[in-house]
Amino acid sequence: MADVVTVASFVEPLEAEMAKLRLESAGIEVFLSGENARIMEPGLGPLELQVSSEDEEDARAILADPGAAEGAGETGPAGAQGN
């Protein structure tokens, strides 16, 4: 089994969840370290987004691409207008 590496840290739970969903939608298995602790004690520390070392390069590339999250939403509405 491959090692687990942290590819990003977040203070805001919403940002962490959005990043997690981006990676999961790309087929990358993700673990959000600190998620359960934050429920019990808000502000307990950063949330760490962790992936297999085999997926590290792809995960970092996806998170570094600001257009990846925007591109999916722009295609549908623009094509739907068509007038």
C-alpha atoms as a PDB file:
ATOM      1  CA  MET A   1       0.000   0.000   0.000  1.00  0.00           C
ATOM      2  CA  ALA A   2       1.239   3.485  -0.853  1.00  0.00           C
ATOM      3  CA  ASP A   3       2.052   6.101   1.771  1.00  0.00           C
ATOM      4  CA  VAL A   4      -0.368   8.921   2.481  1.00  0.00           C
ATOM      5  CA  VAL A   5       0.789  12.504   1.880  1.00  0.00           C
ATOM      6  CA  THR A   6      -0.745  15.869   2.736  1.00  0.00           C
ATOM      7  CA  VAL A   7      -1.338  17.920  -0.418  1.00  0.00           C
ATOM      8  CA  ALA A   8      -3.086  20.922   1.171  1.00  0.00           C
ATOM      9  CA  SER A   9      -4.090  22.402   4.522  1.00  0.00           C
ATOM     10  CA  PHE A  10      -7.166  24.521   5.167  1.00  0.00           C
ATOM     11  CA  VAL A  11      -8.461  26.658   8.012  1.00  0.00           C
ATOM     12  CA  GLU A  12     -11.967  26.953   6.537  1.00  0.00           C
ATOM     13  CA  PRO A  13     -13.979  23.712   6.432  1.00  0.00           C
ATOM     14  CA  LEU A  14     -15.911  24.796   3.323  1.00  0.00           C
ATOM     15  CA  GLU A  15     -12.704  25.327   1.326  1.00  0.00           C
ATOM     16  CA  ALA A  16     -11.423  21.935   2.453  1.00  0.00           C
ATOM     17  CA  GLU A  17     -14.643  20.225   1.421  1.00  0.00           C
ATOM     18  CA  MET A  18     -14.624  21.915  -2.001  1.00  0.00           C
ATOM     19  CA  ALA A  19     -11.045  20.783  -2.629  1.00  0.00           C
ATOM     20  CA  LYS A  20     -11.921  17.271  -1.468  1.00  0.00           C
ATOM     21  CA  LEU A  21     -14.851  17.118  -3.899  1.00  0.00           C
ATOM     22  CA  ARG A  22     -12.659  18.301  -6.795  1.00  0.00           C
ATOM     23  CA  LEU A  23     -10.210  15.471  -6.182  1.00  0.00           C
ATOM     24  CA  GLU A  24     -12.934  12.873  -5.677  1.00  0.00           C
ATOM     25  CA  SER A  25     -14.595  13.914  -8.940  1.00  0.00           C
ATOM     26  CA  ALA A  26     -11.270  13.187 -10.655  1.00  0.00           C
ATOM     27  CA  GLY A  27     -11.276   9.683  -9.197  1.00  0.00           C
ATOM     28  CA  ILE A  28      -8.706  10.355  -6.477  1.00  0.00           C
ATOM     29  CA  GLU A  29      -9.364   8.805  -3.081  1.00  0.00           C
ATOM     30  CA  VAL A  30      -9.092  11.540  -0.442  1.00  0.00           C
ATOM     31  CA  PHE A  31      -8.930  11.666   3.345  1.00  0.00           C
ATOM     32  CA  LEU A  32      -9.623  14.896   5.226  1.00  0.00           C
ATOM     33  CA  SER A  33      -7.550  14.692   8.411  1.00  0.00           C
ATOM     34  CA  GLY A  34      -8.953  16.632  11.347  1.00  0.00           C
ATOM     35  CA  GLU A  35     -12.507  16.660  10.005  1.00  0.00           C
ATOM     36  CA  ASN A  36     -14.031  14.836  12.985  1.00  0.00           C
ATOM     37  CA  ALA A  37     -12.001  16.790  15.530  1.00  0.00           C
ATOM     38  CA  ARG A  38     -13.265  20.075  14.066  1.00  0.00           C
ATOM     39  CA  ILE A  39     -16.865  18.971  14.587  1.00  0.00           C
ATOM     40  CA  MET A  40     -16.201  18.412  18.287  1.00  0.00           C
ATOM     41  CA  GLU A  41     -13.985  21.467  18.791  1.00  0.00           C
ATOM     42  CA  PRO A  42     -14.138  24.190  16.101  1.00  0.00           C
ATOM     43  CA  GLY A  43     -10.845  25.962  15.520  1.00  0.00           C
ATOM     44  CA  LEU A  44      -8.829  22.972  16.705  1.00  0.00           C
ATOM     45  CA  GLY A  45      -6.319  23.233  13.893  1.00  0.00           C
ATOM     46  CA  PRO A  46      -5.979  22.963  10.144  1.00  0.00           C
ATOM     47  CA  LEU A  47      -7.780  20.399   8.055  1.00  0.00           C
ATOM     48  CA  GLU A  48      -5.281  18.408   6.012  1.00  0.00           C
ATOM     49  CA  LEU A  49      -6.222  17.007   2.621  1.00  0.00           C
ATOM     50  CA  GLN A  50      -4.394  13.702   2.210  1.00  0.00           C
ATOM     51  CA  VAL A  51      -4.025  11.367  -0.758  1.00  0.00           C
ATOM     52  CA  SER A  52      -2.007   8.303  -1.672  1.00  0.00           C
ATOM     53  CA  SER A  53       1.570   9.117  -2.663  1.00  0.00           C
ATOM     54  CA  GLU A  54       0.745   7.561  -6.049  1.00  0.00           C
ATOM     55  CA  ASP A  55      -1.902  10.276  -6.611  1.00  0.00           C
ATOM     56  CA  GLU A  56       0.102  13.179  -5.179  1.00  0.00           C
ATOM     57  CA  GLU A  57       1.235  14.688  -8.484  1.00  0.00           C
ATOM     58  CA  ASP A  58      -2.243  14.577 -10.030  1.00  0.00           C
ATOM     59  CA  ALA A  59      -3.871  15.922  -6.870  1.00  0.00           C
ATOM     60  CA  ARG A  60      -1.486  18.874  -6.660  1.00  0.00           C
ATOM     61  CA  ALA A  61      -2.030  19.674 -10.355  1.00  0.00           C
ATOM     62  CA  ILE A  62      -5.820  19.641  -9.929  1.00  0.00           C
ATOM     63  CA  LEU A  63      -5.700  21.862  -6.852  1.00  0.00           C
ATOM     64  CA  ALA A  64      -3.291  24.291  -8.533  1.00  0.00           C
ATOM     65  CA  ASP A  65      -5.575  24.753 -11.561  1.00  0.00           C
ATOM     66  CA  PRO A  66      -8.026  27.556 -10.745  1.00  0.00           C
ATOM     67  CA  GLY A  67      -9.888  27.047 -14.027  1.00  0.00           C
ATOM     68  CA  ALA A  68     -10.865  23.456 -13.305  1.00  0.00           C
ATOM     69  CA  ALA A  69     -13.639  24.439 -10.902  1.00  0.00           C
ATOM     70  CA  GLU A  70     -14.937  27.241 -13.131  1.00  0.00           C
ATOM     71  CA  GLY A  71     -14.829  25.459 -16.494  1.00  0.00           C
ATOM     72  CA  ALA A  72     -17.590  22.950 -15.771  1.00  0.00           C
ATOM     73  CA  GLY A  73     -20.124  25.608 -14.830  1.00  0.00           C
ATOM     74  CA  GLU A  74     -19.408  27.862 -17.795  1.00  0.00           C
ATOM     75  CA  THR A  75     -20.062  25.284 -20.525  1.00  0.00           C
ATOM     76  CA  GLY A  76     -23.684  24.494 -19.634  1.00  0.00           C
ATOM     77  CA  PRO A  77     -25.210  27.974 -19.266  1.00  0.00           C
ATOM     78  CA  ALA A  78     -23.408  29.452 -22.284  1.00  0.00           C
ATOM     79  CA  GLY A  79     -24.570  26.645 -24.534  1.00  0.00           C
ATOM     80  CA  ALA A  80     -28.109  26.820 -23.164  1.00  0.00           C
ATOM     81  CA  GLN A  81     -28.639  30.480 -24.093  1.00  0.00           C
ATOM     82  CA  GLY A  82     -28.146  30.032 -27.850  1.00  0.00           C
ATOM     83  CA  ASN A  83     -30.365  33.030 -28.781  1.00  0.00           C
END
